Amino acid sequence: MQTRRTFLKSSLLGASALSLNYIPASAMGANDRLRAAVLGVGGRGNNHCEAFATLENVQLVAVADPDLRRAEGTKKRWEEKIGTEITAYQDPRKLLEDKTIDVVSVASCNHWHTLLSLWSAEAGKSVYCEKPCSHTLFESRQLVNAMKRYGILIQHGTQHRSNPKWQGAARAFQSGKYGKPLALFAYVNRTRNGIGFKPVQDPPKELDWNLWLGPVDYQPYTENNFVYNWHWFWNTGDGEIGNNGVHMFDLSRLAAGNPHVQPRMVQSFGTRLINAPDDGYKDQGETPSIQAAVYDLDGLPVYYSCCNLRKKENPWKSLETAHFVTDEGVVTNGQFISNDGKSIPLDPEFNPEKSVSFFNGTVDHFQNFVDCVRANTPEKLVAPIVEGHYSTSLCHLGNISYRTGRPATLAECMDSISGHPLLVKEVEAALANVKELIPALDLEKDVPFTLGQKLEFDSETEKFVSNPAADALLRRPGRGEFVVKEY
């Protein structure tokens, strides 16, 4: 028998219009049905729409976006797919006034994640919040407080931890069966092009630019500050470490047993470099395209390595994954790679057959969220916001070290990690790839690097030790009506 979920899946893969065949909401069982809304409907927001449309007994009823073109376009697209009416809003506050909405997902830009989630919590709605859950460390702590205060559920969008193979890898690392734990490694080497330089201009008439900016400092509109490239500016984004690094930090914390402590030390270095000789290898972006960081997480080193440039013919592996390092090799997603290079599947107890894809077709992380909302079992959330807070903190602390750093040579930066040979090896391999990609540049002489401060952090107070300049980046003041208050 074809269920609503399988029917919608087949439709989303190209079947004929659902308007002729959909199963109406009235047939789903009103007592259990969840009415869902999506705040922010770019590419990821439409993934969220798909997730809610695919889940049994969940009805997508509303969307909101400061860009009316997106809001109206998404409304039309999903009404045609699911055959029921969807209301489109520009201002999310209007959507949240609808008391019949049970759950919302927040898929906006990073700088809005916390405030939209808090407004939703105040309105009594449970929240699926995209990663990273905050733009500052203070913000994500308020999300943890709000979940307790309002008795709602907040799931963090670090969906890889719902994958049974990653859960098994974490257990394997902890078991000692594959050697003594030495370190955790987060790789995010996603090849990206530069964004060039765009002039200031008037925003499109359908876009409420003041609303889009919300809690961050006012800035003029350019095409580079909008759509995806906002990731590469400190005012609205968090760089690659916050964009995708948070996933790998989350898996690293999973392997470490989800310690609810902050790193007691962090240091980061890097540079922003693009492969564009006509522009002097620079663009309008601010966040680093090459970055490394080292953390002390309760005595266990955590390393981060990012290089957004790659020579295609180079054998260097442009990894985007997590490695759990032991004295005998590396435990990762479903396999163990020994120190002599042999790759073997993890033992069956750590290696379930099921491996989950979260972006097309399957929605287990969302399923866990709605199941827990329906049963009111916050303790069964796979990624409760408290885990999101601590995983996202690693991103913020690495960026704060970088942003309070000083100009330095590459040699000085490499010397700062000389006591961490595992990280040295990975950074050297990434930089060798860059040297082949851009032979005209001497990385040691021609490229300005930033050497971040080596910062001590107090996990109890969530403040830096005797460093007011670093503390100032733990929170932002907000703007006008868009302020994250303390809960």
Protein backbone atom coordinates (compact mmCIF):
# COMPACT_ATOMS: atom_id res chain seq x y z
CA MET A 1 0.00 0.00 0.00
CA GLN A 2 1.40 3.39 -0.98
CA THR A 3 1.76 5.77 1.95
CA ARG A 4 1.64 9.54 1.78
CA ARG A 5 5.41 9.59 2.33
CA THR A 6 6.28 7.20 -0.50
CA PHE A 7 3.74 8.86 -2.75
CA LEU A 8 5.24 12.30 -2.19
CA LYS A 9 8.75 10.97 -2.69
CA SER A 10 7.85 9.54 -6.07
CA SER A 11 6.14 12.80 -6.97
CA LEU A 12 9.19 14.85 -6.00
CA LEU A 13 11.29 12.68 -8.26
CA GLY A 14 9.22 13.65 -11.27
CA ALA A 15 5.73 12.15 -11.12
CA SER A 16 2.70 14.04 -12.41
CA ALA A 17 1.16 16.91 -10.50
CA LEU A 18 -0.01 16.05 -7.01
CA SER A 19 -2.95 18.39 -7.23
CA LEU A 20 -4.91 15.57 -8.85
CA ASN A 21 -3.92 12.84 -6.41
CA TYR A 22 -2.82 14.22 -3.05
CA ILE A 23 -4.13 12.88 0.22
CA PRO A 24 -5.80 15.84 1.95
CA ALA A 25 -4.74 16.96 5.41
CA SER A 26 -8.18 16.13 6.77
CA ALA A 27 -7.49 12.44 6.17
CA MET A 28 -4.31 12.35 8.25
CA GLY A 29 -5.66 12.23 11.77
CA ALA A 30 -5.95 15.71 13.18
CA ASN A 31 -4.88 14.79 16.72
CA ASP A 32 -1.39 13.76 15.59
CA ARG A 33 -0.89 16.02 12.60
CA LEU A 34 1.80 18.72 12.94
CA ARG A 35 1.41 21.97 11.06
CA ALA A 36 4.84 23.17 9.95
CA ALA A 37 6.38 26.38 8.62
CA VAL A 38 9.77 27.24 7.13
CA LEU A 39 11.55 30.54 7.85
CA GLY A 40 14.03 31.37 5.09
CA VAL A 41 13.42 29.63 1.78
CA GLY A 42 16.61 29.63 -0.23
CA GLY A 43 18.17 26.36 -1.33
CA ARG A 44 18.36 24.82 2.14
CA GLY A 45 14.94 26.17 3.05
CA ASN A 46 13.44 24.29 0.11
CA ASN A 47 15.16 21.14 1.40
CA HIS A 48 13.28 21.77 4.64
CA CYS A 49 10.03 22.16 2.71
CA GLU A 50 10.71 18.82 1.05
CA ALA A 51 11.38 17.20 4.41
CA PHE A 52 8.11 18.37 5.91
CA ALA A 53 6.20 17.47 2.74
CA THR A 54 7.64 13.95 2.84
CA LEU A 55 6.97 13.16 6.50
CA GLU A 56 3.83 11.30 7.50
CA ASN A 57 1.22 13.36 9.31
CA VAL A 58 3.05 16.66 8.83
CA GLN A 59 1.55 19.46 6.76
CA LEU A 60 3.59 22.33 5.35
CA VAL A 61 1.33 25.37 5.82
CA ALA A 62 3.48 28.54 5.71
CA VAL A 63 6.79 30.03 4.59
CA ALA A 64 8.49 33.36 5.21
CA ASP A 65 11.39 35.22 3.64
CA PRO A 66 12.45 38.91 3.52
CA ASP A 67 12.64 38.48 -0.26
CA LEU A 68 9.05 38.23 -1.48
CA ARG A 69 10.22 36.66 -4.73
CA ARG A 70 11.48 33.69 -2.74
CA ALA A 71 8.48 33.53 -0.42
CA GLU A 72 5.91 33.65 -3.23
CA GLY A 73 7.92 31.35 -5.48
CA THR A 74 8.27 28.75 -2.76
CA LYS A 75 4.56 28.98 -1.93
CA LYS A 76 3.64 28.36 -5.57
CA ARG A 77 6.17 25.54 -6.03
CA TRP A 78 5.08 23.54 -3.00
CA GLU A 79 1.37 24.15 -3.42
CA GLU A 80 1.70 22.54 -6.85
CA LYS A 81 3.61 19.61 -5.34
CA ILE A 82 1.44 18.88 -2.31
CA GLY A 83 -1.92 20.23 -3.39
CA THR A 84 -2.75 22.15 -0.21
CA GLU A 85 -2.65 25.88 0.48
CA ILE A 86 0.50 27.52 1.83
CA THR A 87 0.62 31.06 3.20
CA ALA A 88 3.62 33.23 2.26
CA TYR A 89 4.91 36.00 4.53
CA GLN A 90 7.68 38.56 4.25
CA ASP A 91 7.95 39.29 7.98
CA PRO A 92 8.37 36.11 10.08
CA ARG A 93 6.69 37.75 13.06
CA LYS A 94 3.40 37.71 11.17
CA LEU A 95 3.77 33.99 10.53
CA LEU A 96 4.53 33.31 14.19
CA GLU A 97 1.24 34.94 15.20
CA ASP A 98 -0.55 31.91 13.72
CA LYS A 99 -1.35 29.80 16.79
CA THR A 100 -2.22 26.77 14.66
CA ILE A 101 1.42 26.31 13.58
CA ASP A 102 3.12 23.70 15.76
CA VAL A 103 6.70 23.57 14.48
CA VAL A 104 8.99 25.79 12.47
CA SER A 105 12.31 25.23 10.81
CA VAL A 106 14.83 28.04 10.56
CA ALA A 107 16.79 27.95 7.30
CA SER A 108 17.67 31.63 7.05
CA CYS A 109 21.14 33.18 6.88
CA ASN A 110 23.40 32.44 9.86
CA HIS A 111 22.96 35.84 11.46
CA TRP A 112 19.20 35.22 11.84
CA HIS A 113 19.29 31.63 13.14
CA THR A 114 19.17 32.47 16.83
CA LEU A 115 16.67 35.32 16.82
CA LEU A 116 14.17 33.47 14.64
CA SER A 117 14.48 30.42 16.87
CA LEU A 118 13.96 32.50 20.01
CA TRP A 119 10.93 34.28 18.57
CA SER A 120 9.51 30.88 17.65
CA ALA A 121 10.16 29.54 21.15
CA GLU A 122 8.41 32.56 22.67
CA ALA A 123 5.43 31.80 20.42
CA GLY A 124 5.32 28.26 21.83
CA LYS A 125 6.59 26.52 18.71
CA SER A 126 9.25 23.83 18.60
CA VAL A 127 12.16 24.53 16.29
CA TYR A 128 14.42 22.74 13.84
CA CYS A 129 17.34 25.20 13.65
CA GLU A 130 19.85 25.01 10.82
CA LYS A 131 23.57 24.94 11.53
CA PRO A 132 25.34 26.87 12.86
CA CYS A 133 22.66 27.67 15.42
CA SER A 134 24.18 31.04 16.24
CA HIS A 135 26.34 33.89 15.00
CA THR A 136 27.94 34.38 18.43
CA LEU A 137 28.57 32.12 21.40
CA PHE A 138 26.24 34.18 23.61
CA GLU A 139 23.38 33.58 21.19
CA SER A 140 23.50 29.79 21.23
CA ARG A 141 23.63 29.78 25.04
CA GLN A 142 20.33 31.70 24.98
CA LEU A 143 18.82 28.97 22.79
CA VAL A 144 19.74 26.37 25.41
CA ASN A 145 18.11 28.55 28.07
CA ALA A 146 15.00 29.18 25.94
CA MET A 147 14.36 25.46 25.36
CA LYS A 148 14.22 25.00 29.14
CA ARG A 149 12.23 28.17 29.81
CA TYR A 150 9.48 27.64 27.25
CA GLY A 151 9.26 23.85 27.38
CA ILE A 152 9.61 23.50 23.62
CA LEU A 153 12.07 21.36 21.62
CA ILE A 154 14.95 22.70 19.56
CA GLN A 155 16.80 20.33 17.23
CA HIS A 156 20.10 21.45 15.69
CA GLY A 157 20.65 20.84 11.99
CA THR A 158 23.89 18.85 12.39
CA GLN A 159 22.21 15.93 10.68
CA HIS A 160 25.29 13.75 10.20
CA ARG A 161 25.02 12.60 13.81
CA SER A 162 21.76 10.87 12.84
CA ASN A 163 23.75 8.61 10.49
CA PRO A 164 24.16 5.17 12.14
CA LYS A 165 27.60 4.74 10.55
CA TRP A 166 28.91 7.90 12.22
CA GLN A 167 27.36 6.84 15.50
CA GLY A 168 29.11 3.49 15.14
CA ALA A 169 32.43 5.17 14.34
CA ALA A 170 32.14 7.24 17.51
CA ARG A 171 31.52 4.11 19.58
CA ALA A 172 34.44 2.35 17.89
CA PHE A 173 36.78 5.23 18.73
CA GLN A 174 35.65 5.20 22.36
CA SER A 175 35.93 1.42 22.68
CA GLY A 176 39.72 1.28 22.43
CA LYS A 177 39.45 -1.63 20.02
CA TYR A 178 41.20 0.41 17.31
CA GLY A 179 43.87 1.91 19.50
CA LYS A 180 44.34 4.59 22.12
CA PRO A 181 42.52 7.86 21.28
CA LEU A 182 44.99 10.56 20.29
CA ALA A 183 43.10 13.39 18.56
CA LEU A 184 40.03 14.44 16.61
CA PHE A 185 40.29 15.99 13.14
CA ALA A 186 37.74 18.12 11.31
CA TYR A 187 38.41 18.61 7.58
CA VAL A 188 36.49 21.04 5.38
CA ASN A 189 38.30 21.34 2.05
CA ARG A 190 35.50 22.44 -0.25
CA THR A 191 36.79 23.98 -3.49
CA ARG A 192 35.35 27.46 -4.05
CA ASN A 193 35.84 30.23 -6.55
CA GLY A 194 36.39 33.82 -5.55
CA ILE A 195 33.40 36.15 -5.40
CA GLY A 196 34.98 39.14 -7.15
CA PHE A 197 33.98 42.72 -6.39
CA LYS A 198 30.41 44.05 -6.59
CA PRO A 199 29.36 47.70 -6.29
CA VAL A 200 26.89 49.18 -3.84
CA GLN A 201 23.43 49.48 -5.39
CA ASP A 202 19.76 49.67 -4.47
CA PRO A 203 18.30 46.35 -3.31
CA PRO A 204 15.58 44.71 -5.41
CA LYS A 205 12.15 46.21 -4.69
CA GLU A 206 10.81 42.85 -3.48
CA LEU A 207 13.56 42.60 -0.83
CA ASP A 208 13.17 44.23 2.60
CA TRP A 209 16.87 44.90 3.10
CA ASN A 210 16.46 46.21 6.65
CA LEU A 211 14.58 43.06 7.62
CA TRP A 212 17.14 40.85 5.86
CA LEU A 213 19.94 42.45 7.91
CA GLY A 214 17.94 42.20 11.12
CA PRO A 215 20.26 41.94 14.14
CA VAL A 216 23.56 42.72 12.41
CA ASP A 217 25.15 46.10 11.70
CA TYR A 218 23.62 48.03 8.86
CA GLN A 219 25.52 47.77 5.57
CA PRO A 220 24.70 48.88 2.02
CA TYR A 221 23.36 46.28 -0.38
CA THR A 222 25.68 44.62 -2.89
CA GLU A 223 25.13 41.41 -4.80
CA ASN A 224 28.05 39.94 -2.86
CA ASN A 225 26.33 40.50 0.48
CA PHE A 226 23.23 38.65 -0.65
CA VAL A 227 22.24 35.09 -1.59
CA TYR A 228 25.12 32.69 -0.75
CA ASN A 229 28.14 34.98 -0.53
CA TRP A 230 27.03 36.48 2.78
CA HIS A 231 28.89 33.47 4.29
CA TRP A 232 32.22 35.17 3.57
CA PHE A 233 31.63 38.40 5.50
CA TRP A 234 32.00 38.69 9.27
CA ASN A 235 28.85 40.78 9.67
CA THR A 236 26.54 38.04 8.41
CA GLY A 237 28.56 34.82 8.09
CA ASP A 238 31.15 32.70 9.84
CA GLY A 239 33.34 31.53 6.97
CA GLU A 240 33.78 27.89 6.02
CA ILE A 241 34.45 26.90 9.62
CA GLY A 242 30.90 27.91 10.52
CA ASN A 243 29.35 26.93 7.22
CA ASN A 244 30.48 23.29 7.08
CA GLY A 245 33.11 22.96 9.80
CA VAL A 246 30.36 22.79 12.40
CA HIS A 247 29.28 19.40 11.01
CA MET A 248 32.75 17.93 11.52
CA PHE A 249 33.17 19.50 14.95
CA ASP A 250 29.82 17.99 15.90
CA LEU A 251 31.01 14.53 14.84
CA SER A 252 34.26 15.07 16.73
CA ARG A 253 32.33 15.91 19.87
CA LEU A 254 30.17 12.84 19.31
CA ALA A 255 33.35 10.73 19.25
CA ALA A 256 34.58 12.46 22.40
CA GLY A 257 31.37 11.51 24.20
CA ASN A 258 29.59 14.87 23.82
CA PRO A 259 31.45 16.69 26.60
CA HIS A 260 29.48 19.70 27.81
CA VAL A 261 32.59 21.80 28.26
CA GLN A 262 34.21 24.43 26.11
CA PRO A 263 37.77 24.10 24.80
CA ARG A 264 40.20 25.47 27.35
CA MET A 265 42.58 26.65 24.63
CA VAL A 266 42.27 27.66 20.98
CA GLN A 267 44.57 29.09 18.33
CA SER A 268 43.89 29.62 14.65
CA PHE A 269 45.73 31.00 11.64
CA GLY A 270 45.08 31.45 7.94
CA THR A 271 44.60 33.80 5.03
CA ARG A 272 42.07 34.75 2.39
CA LEU A 273 43.48 33.78 -0.99
CA ILE A 274 41.70 33.06 -4.28
CA ASN A 275 42.93 31.86 -7.67
CA ALA A 276 42.35 35.11 -9.60
CA PRO A 277 45.57 36.73 -10.83
CA ASP A 278 43.75 39.62 -12.53
CA ASP A 279 42.33 40.64 -9.16
CA GLY A 280 45.63 40.20 -7.34
CA TYR A 281 44.42 36.92 -5.83
CA LYS A 282 41.93 38.89 -3.74
CA ASP A 283 38.17 39.39 -3.67
CA GLN A 284 35.60 41.23 -1.59
CA GLY A 285 35.28 38.48 1.00
CA GLU A 286 36.68 38.73 4.53
CA THR A 287 36.72 35.22 6.01
CA PRO A 288 39.73 32.94 5.44
CA SER A 289 39.82 30.55 2.51
CA ILE A 290 42.77 28.74 4.13
CA GLN A 291 42.48 28.17 7.87
CA ALA A 292 43.87 25.87 10.53
CA ALA A 293 43.03 25.68 14.21
CA VAL A 294 43.97 23.66 17.26
CA TYR A 295 41.85 23.21 20.39
CA ASP A 296 42.29 21.54 23.75
CA LEU A 297 38.95 19.85 24.43
CA ASP A 298 39.11 18.44 27.92
CA GLY A 299 42.65 17.19 27.30
CA LEU A 300 42.00 15.82 23.80
CA PRO A 301 43.42 17.79 20.84
CA VAL A 302 40.90 18.81 18.17
CA TYR A 303 42.30 19.97 14.82
CA TYR A 304 40.62 21.89 12.03
CA SER A 305 41.98 22.18 8.50
CA CYS A 306 40.37 24.07 5.62
CA CYS A 307 41.62 24.84 2.13
CA ASN A 308 39.14 26.18 -0.42
CA LEU A 309 41.63 26.02 -3.31
CA ARG A 310 42.59 22.87 -5.17
CA LYS A 311 44.61 21.87 -8.20
CA LYS A 312 42.45 19.21 -9.85
CA GLU A 313 45.36 17.09 -11.02
CA ASN A 314 46.97 17.07 -7.58
CA PRO A 315 46.69 13.80 -5.63
CA TRP A 316 46.00 15.80 -2.44
CA LYS A 317 42.67 14.65 -1.06
CA SER A 318 40.19 17.48 -0.72
CA LEU A 319 38.47 15.92 2.31
CA GLU A 320 35.28 17.07 3.95
CA THR A 321 34.94 14.64 6.82
CA ALA A 322 35.95 13.84 10.40
CA HIS A 323 38.79 11.56 11.47
CA PHE A 324 39.02 10.05 14.93
CA VAL A 325 42.75 9.42 15.36
CA THR A 326 44.25 6.65 17.50
CA ASP A 327 47.81 5.42 17.95
CA GLU A 328 46.98 2.62 15.48
CA GLY A 329 45.23 4.62 12.73
CA VAL A 330 42.04 6.53 11.93
CA VAL A 331 38.43 5.63 12.69
CA THR A 332 35.98 7.30 10.31
CA ASN A 333 32.61 6.76 8.65
CA GLY A 334 32.25 2.96 8.56
CA GLN A 335 35.94 2.14 8.30
CA PHE A 336 39.31 1.98 10.00
CA ILE A 337 42.44 3.16 8.18
CA SER A 338 45.54 1.70 9.81
CA ASN A 339 48.84 3.54 10.08
CA ASP A 340 50.24 1.44 7.23
CA GLY A 341 47.43 2.61 4.93
CA LYS A 342 45.13 -0.41 4.99
CA SER A 343 41.42 0.36 5.00
CA ILE A 344 39.05 -2.17 6.55
CA PRO A 345 35.36 -2.00 7.49
CA LEU A 346 34.65 -1.48 11.17
CA ASP A 347 33.51 -4.55 13.06
CA PRO A 348 29.76 -5.26 12.59
CA GLU A 349 28.92 -4.01 16.08
CA PHE A 350 30.16 -0.56 15.00
CA ASN A 351 29.19 -0.66 11.33
CA PRO A 352 25.45 -0.92 10.67
CA GLU A 353 24.44 -1.53 7.08
CA LYS A 354 22.22 1.53 6.99
CA SER A 355 23.89 4.76 5.87
CA VAL A 356 21.76 7.85 5.56
CA SER A 357 21.71 10.68 3.02
CA PHE A 358 19.98 13.78 4.34
CA PHE A 359 19.68 16.16 1.42
CA ASN A 360 17.70 14.20 -1.14
CA GLY A 361 14.99 11.73 -0.31
CA THR A 362 15.52 10.68 3.29
CA VAL A 363 14.72 12.87 6.25
CA ASP A 364 15.62 10.88 9.36
CA HIS A 365 16.93 13.90 11.29
CA PHE A 366 13.62 15.68 10.65
CA GLN A 367 11.76 12.46 11.48
CA ASN A 368 13.48 12.32 14.84
CA PHE A 369 12.51 15.95 15.44
CA VAL A 370 8.81 15.55 14.69
CA ASP A 371 8.62 12.23 16.54
CA CYS A 372 10.03 13.88 19.65
CA VAL A 373 7.73 16.89 19.32
CA ARG A 374 4.70 14.65 18.93
CA ALA A 375 5.65 12.49 21.95
CA ASN A 376 7.10 15.40 23.97
CA THR A 377 10.38 13.53 24.50
CA PRO A 378 13.16 16.14 24.36
CA GLU A 379 15.56 13.60 25.83
CA LYS A 380 15.30 11.57 22.60
CA LEU A 381 16.38 14.36 20.25
CA VAL A 382 19.48 13.24 18.34
CA ALA A 383 20.86 16.79 18.22
CA PRO A 384 19.29 18.84 21.02
CA ILE A 385 20.31 22.47 21.02
CA VAL A 386 22.73 21.97 23.91
CA GLU A 387 24.87 19.83 21.56
CA GLY A 388 24.48 22.49 18.89
CA HIS A 389 25.72 25.13 21.31
CA TYR A 390 28.93 23.30 22.15
CA SER A 391 29.65 22.23 18.56
CA THR A 392 29.01 25.72 17.21
CA SER A 393 31.21 27.20 19.94
CA LEU A 394 34.26 25.56 18.35
CA CYS A 395 33.58 27.57 15.19
CA HIS A 396 33.18 30.85 17.06
CA LEU A 397 36.25 30.36 19.23
CA GLY A 398 38.43 29.54 16.21
CA ASN A 399 37.19 32.64 14.42
CA ILE A 400 37.75 34.85 17.47
CA SER A 401 41.36 33.69 17.71
CA TYR A 402 41.80 34.53 14.02
CA ARG A 403 40.03 37.89 14.20
CA THR A 404 42.07 39.08 17.19
CA GLY A 405 45.33 37.92 15.60
CA ARG A 406 48.19 39.78 13.96
CA PRO A 407 49.84 39.85 10.53
CA ALA A 408 52.43 37.09 10.26
CA THR A 409 54.48 35.08 7.82
CA LEU A 410 53.57 31.54 6.88
CA ALA A 411 56.71 30.38 8.72
CA GLU A 412 55.50 31.99 11.94
CA CYS A 413 52.10 30.37 11.55
CA MET A 414 53.59 26.93 10.97
CA ASP A 415 55.88 27.38 13.95
CA SER A 416 52.80 27.97 16.13
CA ILE A 417 51.62 24.37 15.49
CA SER A 418 55.05 22.71 15.60
CA GLY A 419 53.97 20.73 18.64
CA HIS A 420 51.10 19.18 16.65
CA PRO A 421 52.69 17.04 13.91
CA LEU A 422 49.34 15.65 12.72
CA LEU A 423 48.09 19.14 11.91
CA VAL A 424 51.45 20.19 10.44
CA LYS A 425 51.31 17.28 8.00
CA GLU A 426 47.80 18.15 6.78
CA VAL A 427 48.48 21.88 6.42
CA GLU A 428 51.72 21.24 4.54
CA ALA A 429 49.90 18.94 2.11
CA ALA A 430 47.17 21.53 1.51
CA LEU A 431 49.69 24.32 0.95
CA ALA A 432 51.72 22.17 -1.45
CA ASN A 433 48.54 21.84 -3.49
CA VAL A 434 48.09 25.64 -3.47
CA LYS A 435 51.68 26.17 -4.59
CA GLU A 436 51.07 23.94 -7.60
CA LEU A 437 47.81 25.69 -8.35
CA ILE A 438 49.33 29.20 -8.19
CA PRO A 439 53.05 28.84 -8.95
CA ALA A 440 53.40 32.58 -9.52
CA LEU A 441 52.85 33.23 -5.82
CA ASP A 442 55.45 32.63 -3.13
CA LEU A 443 53.32 31.75 -0.12
CA GLU A 444 56.18 32.45 2.26
CA LYS A 445 56.94 35.93 0.87
CA ASP A 446 53.94 37.21 -1.11
CA VAL A 447 50.89 36.13 0.88
CA PRO A 448 49.93 37.90 4.11
CA PHE A 449 48.79 35.46 6.79
CA THR A 450 47.03 36.13 10.09
CA LEU A 451 48.33 34.39 13.20
CA GLY A 452 45.55 34.21 15.76
CA GLN A 453 46.04 34.68 19.46
CA LYS A 454 46.50 31.64 21.62
CA LEU A 455 43.45 32.10 23.82
CA GLU A 456 42.52 30.54 27.15
CA PHE A 457 38.82 30.02 27.75
CA ASP A 458 36.87 29.48 30.97
CA SER A 459 34.13 26.93 30.35
CA GLU A 460 32.19 27.86 33.49
CA THR A 461 31.83 31.56 32.71
CA GLU A 462 32.08 31.15 28.93
CA LYS A 463 34.52 34.03 28.85
CA PHE A 464 38.16 34.31 27.83
CA VAL A 465 40.81 34.53 30.51
CA SER A 466 41.96 38.17 30.82
CA ASN A 467 41.24 39.14 27.21
CA PRO A 468 38.62 41.90 26.81
CA ALA A 469 39.22 42.20 23.05
CA ALA A 470 38.33 38.53 22.54
CA ASP A 471 35.39 38.76 24.96
CA ALA A 472 33.95 41.59 22.87
CA LEU A 473 33.39 39.13 20.01
CA LEU A 474 31.38 36.70 22.13
CA ARG A 475 28.27 38.84 21.78
CA ARG A 476 26.94 41.58 19.51
CA PRO A 477 24.65 44.44 20.54
CA GLY A 478 21.91 43.83 17.99
CA ARG A 479 20.13 46.59 16.12
CA GLY A 480 16.88 48.36 16.79
CA GLU A 481 14.05 45.87 17.18
CA PHE A 482 16.35 42.94 16.39
CA VAL A 483 18.15 42.24 19.67
CA VAL A 484 18.93 38.86 21.21
CA LYS A 485 18.13 39.28 24.88
CA GLU A 486 19.34 37.20 27.78
CA TYR A 487 17.09 34.32 28.87
